[in-house]
Amino acid sequence: MARRGKKKGRPVSGWLVLDKPAGMGSTEAVSKAKWLFGAQKAGHAGTLDPLASGMLPIALGEATKTVPYVMEGAKVYRFTVAWGEERTTDDLEGPVVESSEKRPTEADIRALLPRYTGLVMQKPPQFSAIKIGGERAYDLAREGEAIEIPAREVEIGRLDLVSVPEPGNAVFEVECGKGTYVRSIARDMGRDLGCYGHVAELRRTEVYPFETAQLVPLKELDDAASEAEDQDARFAALDPYLLDTAAALDGVPEIGLSDDAAARLRLGNSVIVRGRDAPVEAPEAWASARGRLVAIGMVEAGMFKPKRVFSI
């Protein structure tokens, strides 16, 4: 019988709120973070295009179990739309497919914005990770296939015009929900204004529950790692940049447990929720002992029932 190999890396867990530089892909950024921290496993909460910069929350170790909670969080983007050209990729990468000499006025733009808030139907870009017949849309588009991507309902909390630095450009800020494509917003606004448009610059500034102040530039991590004399010193220098695994669970009720109850929970057993303010019912909650995350689950008839157990 084959023996299971030992896991590579160390069992470090937590969230790194990386300030991803433009030009780097999300997968590359996750691989770099995994190597820097020597983590056994890593993942991210929401792809950021290589041309985009900004917040890429990266989960290390046990924090990967909390990724869905961050994926569902609202996101804020600051982006610049260049008017006059529509491109295949809806950003600077692709060739121009439509062009116009028309340029919108600030009044034209402001009058359009209300159409882009609330629940709206949006068609993802041709070059996107949407699956069509089991294949990624960007793979089909690169092969020259004409693909029809159906529109989807997305939620846009707000879309603000920040500035109009020159007639050919406009800077916006948008707060939106999961599945929203900023490139599609730029494309659709350009069509509605009759002048075409594409994203010239894009930066993600927030992914709830993380904040802009928590961003860590990749260069800062590289510098800290390069100054370390050995691997242990590198980990000691980098680990303070990690947020607690439970940071992803902001807004989810926390239930404190005794050590005995936590031990039973870690074995997959349900436990009685005690305390004057303890909920009798809760569709989602997380249990802690001595301030550490033990499990995510639900409370039903005064019992905490674990769905995911943590070994941190």
Protein backbone atom coordinates (compact mmCIF):
# COMPACT_ATOMS: atom_id res chain seq x y z
CA MET A 1 0.00 0.00 0.00
CA ALA A 2 1.41 3.36 -1.04
CA ARG A 3 2.21 5.74 1.79
CA ARG A 4 0.77 9.23 1.68
CA GLY A 5 3.53 11.76 1.10
CA LYS A 6 4.27 14.44 3.63
CA LYS A 7 2.72 17.81 2.82
CA LYS A 8 5.20 20.33 1.51
CA GLY A 9 5.43 23.63 3.34
CA ARG A 10 4.52 24.73 6.83
CA PRO A 11 1.02 24.88 8.34
CA VAL A 12 0.79 28.68 8.38
CA SER A 13 -2.73 30.11 8.14
CA GLY A 14 -4.15 33.59 7.66
CA TRP A 15 -5.11 36.26 5.13
CA LEU A 16 -2.68 38.39 3.15
CA VAL A 17 -4.34 41.49 1.70
CA LEU A 18 -1.95 41.86 -1.20
CA ASP A 19 -1.62 45.04 -3.27
CA LYS A 20 -1.09 43.27 -6.58
CA PRO A 21 0.97 45.23 -9.09
CA ALA A 22 -0.26 45.67 -12.65
CA GLY A 23 1.28 43.17 -15.05
CA MET A 24 1.05 40.21 -12.68
CA GLY A 25 -1.66 37.55 -12.94
CA SER A 26 -3.66 36.45 -9.91
CA THR A 27 -2.36 32.87 -10.11
CA GLU A 28 1.23 34.15 -10.26
CA ALA A 29 0.58 36.38 -7.23
CA VAL A 30 -0.82 33.46 -5.22
CA SER A 31 2.17 31.28 -6.12
CA LYS A 32 4.55 34.04 -5.05
CA ALA A 33 2.78 34.49 -1.71
CA LYS A 34 2.71 30.75 -1.12
CA TRP A 35 6.47 30.57 -1.70
CA LEU A 36 7.29 33.63 0.40
CA PHE A 37 5.37 32.29 3.41
CA GLY A 38 6.29 28.64 2.82
CA ALA A 39 2.60 27.74 3.03
CA GLN A 40 1.21 24.28 2.38
CA LYS A 41 -1.70 25.67 0.40
CA ALA A 42 -2.99 29.02 -0.83
CA GLY A 43 -5.86 30.52 -2.81
CA HIS A 44 -7.36 33.88 -3.66
CA ALA A 45 -10.80 35.46 -3.26
CA GLY A 46 -11.60 36.87 -6.68
CA THR A 47 -9.47 37.07 -9.81
CA LEU A 48 -7.88 40.40 -10.71
CA ASP A 49 -6.89 40.88 -14.37
CA PRO A 50 -3.13 41.14 -15.08
CA LEU A 51 -3.61 44.74 -16.29
CA ALA A 52 -5.34 45.65 -13.03
CA SER A 53 -3.67 46.54 -9.75
CA GLY A 54 -4.90 46.57 -6.19
CA MET A 55 -6.50 44.37 -3.59
CA LEU A 56 -6.10 40.62 -4.04
CA PRO A 57 -6.99 38.84 -0.78
CA ILE A 58 -4.89 35.67 -0.54
CA ALA A 59 -5.79 32.88 1.87
CA LEU A 60 -3.01 30.69 3.28
CA GLY A 61 -3.51 27.29 4.91
CA GLU A 62 -6.76 26.88 6.84
CA ALA A 63 -7.89 30.33 5.71
CA THR A 64 -8.69 28.78 2.30
CA LYS A 65 -11.81 27.33 3.97
CA THR A 66 -13.13 30.88 4.47
CA VAL A 67 -12.62 32.02 0.86
CA PRO A 68 -16.36 31.79 -0.04
CA TYR A 69 -17.18 34.45 2.58
CA VAL A 70 -14.82 36.94 0.93
CA MET A 71 -15.91 35.98 -2.58
CA GLU A 72 -19.44 37.07 -1.68
CA GLY A 73 -18.29 40.44 -0.33
CA ALA A 74 -18.82 43.77 -2.09
CA LYS A 75 -15.89 45.14 -4.10
CA VAL A 76 -14.82 48.70 -4.92
CA TYR A 77 -12.92 49.62 -8.09
CA ARG A 78 -11.41 52.89 -9.36
CA PHE A 79 -11.13 52.82 -13.16
CA THR A 80 -10.45 55.05 -16.14
CA VAL A 81 -12.49 54.73 -19.34
CA ALA A 82 -10.92 55.84 -22.62
CA TRP A 83 -13.63 57.01 -25.04
CA GLY A 84 -13.55 56.60 -28.81
CA GLU A 85 -12.56 52.95 -29.14
CA GLU A 86 -14.12 49.58 -28.37
CA ARG A 87 -11.68 46.69 -28.17
CA THR A 88 -12.07 42.90 -28.30
CA THR A 89 -10.98 42.55 -24.67
CA ASP A 90 -12.78 45.72 -23.46
CA ASP A 91 -9.41 46.92 -22.14
CA LEU A 92 -6.04 48.03 -23.55
CA GLU A 93 -4.89 44.52 -24.49
CA GLY A 94 -7.14 43.81 -27.47
CA PRO A 95 -7.26 45.30 -30.96
CA VAL A 96 -9.77 48.03 -31.83
CA VAL A 97 -13.05 46.79 -33.36
CA GLU A 98 -15.09 50.02 -33.32
CA SER A 99 -14.14 53.69 -33.20
CA SER A 100 -15.77 57.12 -33.06
CA GLU A 101 -14.74 60.76 -33.08
CA LYS A 102 -17.56 61.62 -30.67
CA ARG A 103 -16.69 62.45 -27.05
CA PRO A 104 -19.29 62.64 -24.26
CA THR A 105 -19.75 65.71 -22.09
CA GLU A 106 -19.68 65.46 -18.33
CA ALA A 107 -23.43 66.12 -18.32
CA ASP A 108 -23.97 63.23 -20.76
CA ILE A 109 -22.02 60.88 -18.49
CA ARG A 110 -23.78 61.92 -15.28
CA ALA A 111 -27.19 61.51 -16.92
CA LEU A 112 -26.29 57.92 -17.81
CA LEU A 113 -25.09 56.74 -14.39
CA PRO A 114 -28.51 55.94 -12.82
CA ARG A 115 -29.00 53.20 -15.45
CA TYR A 116 -26.00 51.40 -14.01
CA THR A 117 -27.02 51.04 -10.38
CA GLY A 118 -29.14 48.42 -8.64
CA LEU A 119 -29.82 45.03 -10.22
CA VAL A 120 -28.75 45.25 -13.86
CA MET A 121 -28.33 42.77 -16.71
CA GLN A 122 -24.73 42.60 -17.86
CA LYS A 123 -23.06 40.61 -20.62
CA PRO A 124 -19.54 39.45 -19.60
CA PRO A 125 -16.59 40.27 -21.92
CA GLN A 126 -15.67 37.83 -24.69
CA PHE A 127 -12.30 37.48 -23.00
CA SER A 128 -13.50 36.30 -19.57
CA ALA A 129 -13.35 33.16 -17.45
CA ILE A 130 -17.05 32.38 -18.06
CA LYS A 131 -17.55 28.78 -19.18
CA ILE A 132 -19.34 28.17 -22.48
CA GLY A 133 -20.02 24.51 -23.19
CA GLY A 134 -17.42 23.51 -20.63
CA GLU A 135 -14.68 25.77 -22.03
CA ARG A 136 -13.46 29.18 -20.87
CA ALA A 137 -14.73 32.05 -22.99
CA TYR A 138 -11.22 33.52 -23.33
CA ASP A 139 -9.92 30.23 -24.78
CA LEU A 140 -12.68 30.20 -27.39
CA ALA A 141 -12.14 33.89 -28.16
CA ARG A 142 -8.39 33.37 -28.66
CA GLU A 143 -9.20 30.63 -31.18
CA GLY A 144 -11.28 33.11 -33.13
CA GLU A 145 -14.66 31.59 -32.33
CA ALA A 146 -17.66 33.89 -32.30
CA ILE A 147 -19.33 33.15 -28.98
CA GLU A 148 -22.58 34.39 -27.54
CA ILE A 149 -22.38 34.91 -23.79
CA PRO A 150 -25.79 35.38 -22.19
CA ALA A 151 -26.37 38.44 -20.01
CA ARG A 152 -26.43 37.88 -16.25
CA GLU A 153 -27.96 39.81 -13.40
CA VAL A 154 -25.39 41.63 -11.27
CA GLU A 155 -25.72 44.14 -8.45
CA ILE A 156 -24.08 47.56 -8.58
CA GLY A 157 -24.41 49.50 -5.35
CA ARG A 158 -23.07 52.78 -6.74
CA LEU A 159 -21.28 54.16 -9.77
CA ASP A 160 -19.70 57.59 -9.31
CA LEU A 161 -17.99 59.86 -11.79
CA VAL A 162 -14.79 60.94 -10.03
CA SER A 163 -13.29 63.25 -12.64
CA VAL A 164 -12.99 64.08 -16.34
CA PRO A 165 -9.27 64.82 -16.69
CA GLU A 166 -9.65 65.38 -20.46
CA PRO A 167 -12.42 64.94 -23.07
CA GLY A 168 -11.16 61.50 -24.06
CA ASN A 169 -11.11 60.00 -20.55
CA ALA A 170 -13.29 59.72 -17.47
CA VAL A 171 -12.46 58.30 -14.03
CA PHE A 172 -15.11 56.33 -12.12
CA GLU A 173 -15.52 54.49 -8.84
CA VAL A 174 -17.90 51.55 -8.58
CA GLU A 175 -19.07 49.41 -5.68
CA CYS A 176 -20.43 46.13 -6.93
CA GLY A 177 -21.27 42.55 -6.07
CA LYS A 178 -19.87 39.19 -7.13
CA GLY A 179 -19.66 38.51 -10.86
CA THR A 180 -19.64 42.15 -12.01
CA TYR A 181 -17.23 42.99 -14.83
CA VAL A 182 -15.87 46.54 -14.82
CA ARG A 183 -14.77 46.06 -18.43
CA SER A 184 -18.39 45.42 -19.37
CA ILE A 185 -19.46 48.63 -17.63
CA ALA A 186 -16.96 50.62 -19.72
CA ARG A 187 -18.02 48.88 -22.95
CA ASP A 188 -21.74 49.37 -22.31
CA MET A 189 -21.39 53.02 -21.27
CA GLY A 190 -19.44 53.69 -24.47
CA ARG A 191 -22.20 52.15 -26.55
CA ASP A 192 -24.96 54.00 -24.69
CA LEU A 193 -23.11 57.30 -25.15
CA GLY A 194 -22.57 56.56 -28.84
CA CYS A 195 -18.80 56.98 -28.63
CA TYR A 196 -17.50 53.53 -27.64
CA GLY A 197 -15.12 52.96 -24.73
CA HIS A 198 -12.76 50.59 -22.96
CA VAL A 199 -10.95 50.35 -19.63
CA ALA A 200 -7.58 52.10 -19.78
CA GLU A 201 -6.70 51.70 -16.09
CA LEU A 202 -8.22 49.60 -13.30
CA ARG A 203 -7.52 49.33 -9.58
CA ARG A 204 -9.45 47.38 -6.95
CA THR A 205 -9.38 49.27 -3.67
CA GLU A 206 -11.63 47.16 -1.43
CA VAL A 207 -12.94 43.63 -1.06
CA TYR A 208 -15.26 43.35 1.93
CA PRO A 209 -14.49 42.75 4.78
CA PHE A 210 -10.94 43.97 4.07
CA GLU A 211 -10.03 47.66 3.88
CA THR A 212 -7.64 49.78 1.86
CA ALA A 213 -5.51 50.46 4.95
CA GLN A 214 -4.72 46.72 5.17
CA LEU A 215 -3.11 46.54 1.72
CA VAL A 216 0.44 45.15 1.64
CA PRO A 217 2.58 46.03 -1.41
CA LEU A 218 4.38 43.05 -2.95
CA LYS A 219 7.65 45.02 -2.94
CA GLU A 220 7.41 45.42 0.84
CA LEU A 221 7.17 41.64 1.22
CA ASP A 222 10.06 41.10 -1.20
CA ASP A 223 12.21 43.60 0.66
CA ALA A 224 11.45 42.01 4.04
CA ALA A 225 12.26 38.56 2.67
CA SER A 226 15.52 39.68 1.03
CA GLU A 227 16.78 41.21 4.28
CA ALA A 228 16.29 37.94 6.21
CA GLU A 229 19.43 35.92 6.90
CA ASP A 230 17.71 32.53 6.61
CA GLN A 231 14.31 30.92 6.07
CA ASP A 232 13.28 31.11 9.72
CA ALA A 233 14.12 34.81 9.79
CA ARG A 234 12.11 35.30 6.60
CA PHE A 235 9.01 33.71 8.10
CA ALA A 236 9.44 35.73 11.30
CA ALA A 237 9.58 38.93 9.22
CA LEU A 238 6.61 38.08 6.99
CA ASP A 239 4.12 36.43 9.37
CA PRO A 240 3.12 39.75 11.03
CA TYR A 241 1.66 40.80 7.66
CA LEU A 242 -1.00 38.08 7.92
CA LEU A 243 -4.47 38.78 9.27
CA ASP A 244 -6.22 36.18 11.41
CA THR A 245 -8.16 33.51 9.52
CA ALA A 246 -11.36 34.68 11.21
CA ALA A 247 -10.94 38.16 9.66
CA ALA A 248 -12.92 36.84 6.69
CA LEU A 249 -15.95 36.19 8.90
CA ASP A 250 -16.80 39.77 9.79
CA GLY A 251 -20.57 40.02 10.14
CA VAL A 252 -21.02 36.32 10.89
CA PRO A 253 -22.09 35.68 14.53
CA GLU A 254 -19.31 34.39 16.80
CA ILE A 255 -20.03 31.84 19.53
CA GLY A 256 -17.47 31.33 22.29
CA LEU A 257 -16.91 27.77 23.52
CA SER A 258 -15.10 26.07 26.35
CA ASP A 259 -12.02 23.99 25.59
CA ASP A 260 -14.00 20.77 26.12
CA ALA A 261 -16.76 21.87 23.72
CA ALA A 262 -14.15 22.95 21.17
CA ALA A 263 -12.47 19.53 21.37
CA ARG A 264 -15.79 17.81 20.66
CA LEU A 265 -16.48 20.20 17.80
CA ARG A 266 -13.11 19.46 16.20
CA LEU A 267 -14.14 15.79 16.07
CA GLY A 268 -17.20 16.77 14.07
CA ASN A 269 -19.69 16.53 16.95
CA SER A 270 -22.46 19.06 17.61
CA VAL A 271 -22.31 20.90 20.94
CA ILE A 272 -24.80 22.80 23.09
CA VAL A 273 -24.54 26.57 22.79
CA ARG A 274 -24.44 28.07 26.29
CA GLY A 275 -24.70 31.62 27.60
CA ARG A 276 -27.40 34.19 28.20
CA ASP A 277 -26.99 35.82 24.77
CA ALA A 278 -26.38 32.58 22.88
CA PRO A 279 -28.63 32.22 19.80
CA VAL A 280 -31.12 29.37 19.58
CA GLU A 281 -31.15 29.51 15.79
CA ALA A 282 -28.58 30.90 13.34
CA PRO A 283 -28.19 29.80 9.70
CA GLU A 284 -24.49 30.71 9.86
CA ALA A 285 -22.12 31.17 12.78
CA TRP A 286 -18.54 30.50 13.75
CA ALA A 287 -17.29 29.00 16.97
CA SER A 288 -14.16 30.09 18.81
CA ALA A 289 -12.21 28.98 21.86
CA ARG A 290 -9.65 31.23 23.54
CA GLY A 291 -10.15 33.64 20.63
CA ARG A 292 -9.21 31.09 17.97
CA LEU A 293 -11.46 29.88 15.15
CA VAL A 294 -12.66 26.31 15.75
CA ALA A 295 -15.44 25.75 13.23
CA ILE A 296 -17.97 27.31 10.89
CA GLY A 297 -21.48 25.95 11.05
CA MET A 298 -25.04 26.70 12.08
CA VAL A 299 -27.08 26.80 15.27
CA GLU A 300 -30.23 24.72 15.31
CA ALA A 301 -32.41 24.21 18.39
CA GLY A 302 -29.61 25.50 20.61
CA MET A 303 -26.98 23.16 19.12
CA PHE A 304 -23.96 24.29 17.13
CA LYS A 305 -23.56 21.96 14.14
CA PRO A 306 -20.16 22.18 12.41
CA LYS A 307 -19.80 22.33 8.62
CA ARG A 308 -16.09 23.13 8.46
CA VAL A 309 -13.62 22.39 11.23
CA PHE A 310 -10.28 24.19 11.60
CA SER A 311 -6.98 22.89 12.95
CA ILE A 312 -5.38 26.19 13.92
